[in-house]
C-alpha atoms as a PDB file:
ATOM      1  CA  MET A   1       4.983  -3.801   8.083  1.00  0.00           C
ATOM      2  CA  ARG A   2       6.472  -2.572   4.868  1.00  0.00           C
ATOM      3  CA  ALA A   3       4.840  -0.487   2.180  1.00  0.00           C
ATOM      4  CA  LEU A   4       5.833   0.934  -1.153  1.00  0.00           C
ATOM      5  CA  ILE A   5       3.586   3.848  -2.036  1.00  0.00           C
ATOM      6  CA  GLN A   6       3.176   5.651  -5.314  1.00  0.00           C
ATOM      7  CA  ARG A   7       1.294   8.882  -5.821  1.00  0.00           C
ATOM      8  CA  VAL A   8      -1.099   8.224  -8.690  1.00  0.00           C
ATOM      9  CA  SER A   9      -3.603  10.019 -10.886  1.00  0.00           C
ATOM     10  CA  ASP A  10      -5.444   6.701 -11.139  1.00  0.00           C
ATOM     11  CA  ALA A  11      -4.838   3.016 -10.445  1.00  0.00           C
ATOM     12  CA  ARG A  12      -6.656  -0.281 -10.806  1.00  0.00           C
ATOM     13  CA  VAL A  13      -6.101  -3.913  -9.963  1.00  0.00           C
ATOM     14  CA  ALA A  14      -7.620  -6.829 -11.852  1.00  0.00           C
ATOM     15  CA  VAL A  15      -7.857 -10.548 -11.113  1.00  0.00           C
ATOM     16  CA  ALA A  16      -8.573 -12.925 -14.010  1.00  0.00           C
ATOM     17  CA  GLY A  17      -9.325  -9.930 -16.230  1.00  0.00           C
ATOM     18  CA  GLU A  18     -11.927  -8.404 -13.882  1.00  0.00           C
ATOM     19  CA  THR A  19     -11.314  -5.142 -12.028  1.00  0.00           C
ATOM     20  CA  VAL A  20     -11.537  -5.753  -8.282  1.00  0.00           C
ATOM     21  CA  GLY A  21     -10.324  -2.353  -7.082  1.00  0.00           C
ATOM     22  CA  GLU A  22      -9.713   1.068  -8.570  1.00  0.00           C
ATOM     23  CA  ILE A  23      -9.155   4.650  -7.520  1.00  0.00           C
ATOM     24  CA  GLY A  24      -8.724   8.097  -8.968  1.00  0.00           C
ATOM     25  CA  PRO A  25      -6.122  10.475  -7.514  1.00  0.00           C
ATOM     26  CA  GLY A  26      -4.399   9.164  -4.397  1.00  0.00           C
ATOM     27  CA  LEU A  27      -1.913   6.490  -3.409  1.00  0.00           C
ATOM     28  CA  MET A  28      -1.324   2.994  -4.708  1.00  0.00           C
ATOM     29  CA  ILE A  29       0.065   1.057  -1.746  1.00  0.00           C
ATOM     30  CA  LEU A  30       1.878  -2.265  -1.976  1.00  0.00           C
ATOM     31  CA  VAL A  31       1.925  -3.662   1.566  1.00  0.00           C
ATOM     32  CA  CYS A  32       3.632  -6.613   3.275  1.00  0.00           C
ATOM     33  CA  ALA A  33       3.271  -7.883   6.816  1.00  0.00           C
ATOM     34  CA  MET A  34       6.598  -9.061   8.200  1.00  0.00           C
ATOM     35  CA  ALA A  35       7.151 -11.940  10.636  1.00  0.00           C
ATOM     36  CA  GLY A  36       6.485 -10.628  14.134  1.00  0.00           C
ATOM     37  CA  ASP A  37       4.255  -7.753  13.031  1.00  0.00           C
ATOM     38  CA  GLY A  38       1.002  -7.180  14.871  1.00  0.00           C
ATOM     39  CA  ASP A  39      -2.000  -4.892  14.975  1.00  0.00           C
ATOM     40  CA  ALA A  40       0.100  -1.985  16.271  1.00  0.00           C
ATOM     41  CA  ASN A  41       2.273  -2.142  13.135  1.00  0.00           C
ATOM     42  CA  ALA A  42      -0.761  -2.108  10.811  1.00  0.00           C
ATOM     43  CA  ASP A  43      -2.305   0.803  12.694  1.00  0.00           C
ATOM     44  CA  ALA A  44       0.964   2.778  12.787  1.00  0.00           C
ATOM     45  CA  LEU A  45       1.529   2.267   9.066  1.00  0.00           C
ATOM     46  CA  ALA A  46      -2.024   3.410   8.275  1.00  0.00           C
ATOM     47  CA  ALA A  47      -1.518   6.519  10.419  1.00  0.00           C
ATOM     48  CA  LYS A  48       1.775   7.291   8.672  1.00  0.00           C
ATOM     49  CA  VAL A  49       0.349   6.769   5.185  1.00  0.00           C
ATOM     50  CA  SER A  50      -2.740   8.871   5.855  1.00  0.00           C
ATOM     51  CA  ARG A  51      -0.649  11.823   7.093  1.00  0.00           C
ATOM     52  CA  LEU A  52       2.263  11.545   4.633  1.00  0.00           C
ATOM     53  CA  ARG A  53       2.564  14.894   2.859  1.00  0.00           C
ATOM     54  CA  VAL A  54       3.249  13.930  -0.757  1.00  0.00           C
ATOM     55  CA  PHE A  55       0.554  15.911  -2.581  1.00  0.00           C
ATOM     56  CA  ARG A  56       1.104  19.390  -3.988  1.00  0.00           C
ATOM     57  CA  ASP A  57      -0.194  22.482  -2.241  1.00  0.00           C
ATOM     58  CA  ASP A  58      -1.126  25.715  -4.051  1.00  0.00           C
ATOM     59  CA  ALA A  59       2.568  26.616  -4.302  1.00  0.00           C
ATOM     60  CA  GLY A  60       3.394  23.279  -5.952  1.00  0.00           C
ATOM     61  CA  ARG A  61       5.236  21.883  -2.916  1.00  0.00           C
ATOM     62  CA  MET A  62       4.615  18.417  -1.486  1.00  0.00           C
ATOM     63  CA  ASN A  63       2.794  19.625   1.589  1.00  0.00           C
ATOM     64  CA  ARG A  64      -0.613  17.876   1.621  1.00  0.00           C
ATOM     65  CA  SER A  65      -1.695  14.405   2.750  1.00  0.00           C
ATOM     66  CA  LEU A  66      -4.420  11.983   1.691  1.00  0.00           C
ATOM     67  CA  LEU A  67      -6.472  13.398   4.544  1.00  0.00           C
ATOM     68  CA  ASP A  68      -5.955  16.944   3.253  1.00  0.00           C
ATOM     69  CA  THR A  69      -6.774  16.153  -0.377  1.00  0.00           C
ATOM     70  CA  GLY A  70      -9.560  13.619   0.039  1.00  0.00           C
ATOM     71  CA  GLY A  71      -7.528  11.219  -2.116  1.00  0.00           C
ATOM     72  CA  ALA A  72      -8.119   7.473  -2.185  1.00  0.00           C
ATOM     73  CA  ALA A  73      -5.875   4.475  -1.540  1.00  0.00           C
ATOM     74  CA  LEU A  74      -5.539   1.299  -3.572  1.00  0.00           C
ATOM     75  CA  VAL A  75      -4.131  -1.328  -1.180  1.00  0.00           C
ATOM     76  CA  ILE A  76      -2.477  -4.400  -2.675  1.00  0.00           C
ATOM     77  CA  SER A  77      -0.860  -7.271  -0.775  1.00  0.00           C
ATOM     78  CA  GLN A  78       2.755  -7.781  -1.857  1.00  0.00           C
ATOM     79  CA  PHE A  79       4.713 -10.400   0.087  1.00  0.00           C
ATOM     80  CA  THR A  80       7.706  -9.895  -2.202  1.00  0.00           C
ATOM     81  CA  LEU A  81       8.512  -6.683  -0.299  1.00  0.00           C
ATOM     82  CA  ALA A  82      10.021  -9.102   2.248  1.00  0.00           C
ATOM     83  CA  ALA A  83      12.549 -10.387  -0.305  1.00  0.00           C
ATOM     84  CA  ASP A  84      16.027 -11.179   0.974  1.00  0.00           C
ATOM     85  CA  THR A  85      18.637 -11.340  -1.787  1.00  0.00           C
ATOM     86  CA  SER A  86      21.705 -11.360   0.450  1.00  0.00           C
ATOM     87  CA  ARG A  87      22.550 -15.002  -0.250  1.00  0.00           C
ATOM     88  CA  GLY A  88      22.404 -15.183  -4.011  1.00  0.00           C
ATOM     89  CA  ASN A  89      20.165 -14.517  -6.951  1.00  0.00           C
ATOM     90  CA  ARG A  90      17.008 -16.271  -5.785  1.00  0.00           C
ATOM     91  CA  PRO A  91      15.085 -14.129  -3.283  1.00  0.00           C
ATOM     92  CA  GLY A  92      13.997 -15.664   0.003  1.00  0.00           C
ATOM     93  CA  PHE A  93      10.751 -14.647   1.648  1.00  0.00           C
ATOM     94  CA  SER A  94      11.066 -16.144   5.134  1.00  0.00           C
ATOM     95  CA  ALA A  95      10.928 -12.644   6.661  1.00  0.00           C
ATOM     96  CA  ALA A  96       7.293 -12.279   5.536  1.00  0.00           C
ATOM     97  CA  ALA A  97       4.519 -13.080   7.986  1.00  0.00           C
ATOM     98  CA  PRO A  98       2.829 -16.473   7.516  1.00  0.00           C
ATOM     99  CA  PRO A  99      -0.029 -16.213   4.982  1.00  0.00           C
ATOM    100  CA  ALA A 100      -2.929 -16.253   7.476  1.00  0.00           C
ATOM    101  CA  GLU A 101      -1.321 -13.548   9.621  1.00  0.00           C
ATOM    102  CA  GLY A 102      -0.282 -11.586   6.540  1.00  0.00           C
ATOM    103  CA  GLU A 103      -3.852 -11.549   5.269  1.00  0.00           C
ATOM    104  CA  ARG A 104      -5.234 -10.521   8.659  1.00  0.00           C
ATOM    105  CA  LEU A 105      -2.778  -7.616   8.929  1.00  0.00           C
ATOM    106  CA  TYR A 106      -3.363  -6.578   5.304  1.00  0.00           C
ATOM    107  CA  GLU A 107      -7.100  -6.353   6.033  1.00  0.00           C
ATOM    108  CA  ARG A 108      -6.408  -4.521   9.314  1.00  0.00           C
ATOM    109  CA  PHE A 109      -4.232  -1.968   7.497  1.00  0.00           C
ATOM    110  CA  ALA A 110      -6.935  -1.318   4.865  1.00  0.00           C
ATOM    111  CA  ALA A 111      -9.614  -1.021   7.570  1.00  0.00           C
ATOM    112  CA  ALA A 112      -7.437   1.406   9.556  1.00  0.00           C
ATOM    113  CA  LEU A 113      -7.205   3.662   6.484  1.00  0.00           C
ATOM    114  CA  GLU A 114     -10.993   3.515   6.047  1.00  0.00           C
ATOM    115  CA  GLU A 115     -11.467   4.387   9.732  1.00  0.00           C
ATOM    116  CA  ARG A 116      -9.491   7.573   9.043  1.00  0.00           C
ATOM    117  CA  GLY A 117     -12.018   8.517   6.340  1.00  0.00           C
ATOM    118  CA  ILE A 118      -9.964   7.423   3.330  1.00  0.00           C
ATOM    119  CA  GLN A 119     -11.733   5.696   0.427  1.00  0.00           C
ATOM    120  CA  VAL A 120      -9.993   2.339  -0.045  1.00  0.00           C
ATOM    121  CA  GLY A 121      -9.898  -0.005  -3.028  1.00  0.00           C
ATOM    122  CA  LYS A 122      -8.205  -3.368  -2.596  1.00  0.00           C
ATOM    123  CA  GLY A 123      -6.732  -6.260  -4.441  1.00  0.00           C
ATOM    124  CA  ILE A 124      -7.340  -9.871  -3.395  1.00  0.00           C
ATOM    125  CA  PHE A 125      -4.829 -11.335  -0.964  1.00  0.00           C
ATOM    126  CA  ALA A 126      -2.527 -13.962  -2.550  1.00  0.00           C
ATOM    127  CA  ALA A 127      -4.233 -13.660  -5.953  1.00  0.00           C
ATOM    128  CA  ASP A 128      -2.359 -13.268  -9.225  1.00  0.00           C
ATOM    129  CA  MET A 129      -3.120  -9.597  -9.867  1.00  0.00           C
ATOM    130  CA  ALA A 130      -2.539  -7.186 -12.737  1.00  0.00           C
ATOM    131  CA  VAL A 131      -1.922  -3.651 -11.466  1.00  0.00           C
ATOM    132  CA  THR A 132      -2.223  -0.628 -13.741  1.00  0.00           C
ATOM    133  CA  LEU A 133      -1.389   2.867 -12.566  1.00  0.00           C
ATOM    134  CA  THR A 134      -0.443   6.319 -13.690  1.00  0.00           C
ATOM    135  CA  ASN A 135       2.347   7.445 -11.387  1.00  0.00           C
ATOM    136  CA  ASP A 136       1.991  11.169 -10.677  1.00  0.00           C
ATOM    137  CA  GLY A 137       5.347  12.884 -10.372  1.00  0.00           C
ATOM    138  CA  PRO A 138       6.682  10.232 -10.254  1.00  0.00           C
ATOM    139  CA  VAL A 139       6.561   9.934  -6.484  1.00  0.00           C
ATOM    140  CA  THR A 140       7.491   6.570  -4.964  1.00  0.00           C
ATOM    141  CA  ILE A 141       8.295   6.133  -1.253  1.00  0.00           C
ATOM    142  CA  TRP A 142       9.271   3.146   0.920  1.00  0.00           C
ATOM    143  CA  LEU A 143       7.759   3.056   4.439  1.00  0.00           C
ATOM    144  CA  GLU A 144       8.100   0.761   7.430  1.00  0.00           C
ATOM    145  CA  ALA A 145       6.197   0.677  10.694  1.00  0.00           C
END
């Protein structure tokens, strides 16, 4: 699985003008299941995200995790993280998991974060979503598991 995370002061996702998920301080996570991914990938990515030390400690250093800070996660499905642009200007997405498997692994990833005690907001899988966030830092990190 692939994820692009951003440390945020706040973030929200809306579908058809209605907010479906929002958080205060924490991480906004765009996530994509890749072809061949399984439950172990979703669980490993959730473990990595929950322990990733990207929040400031008392000395101002990035030394604290979501678990340490009690921050929340806004999880948004993003199949375009599987984009392949090696053969021209139009991205291909054949490396992404099929939609049914992608949705199952997206839900598994979000549930695995919740099981670790993290408050999770979510978008709606495969919906046309509008994401608004205030990037804190900015801090943006690419992860794979």
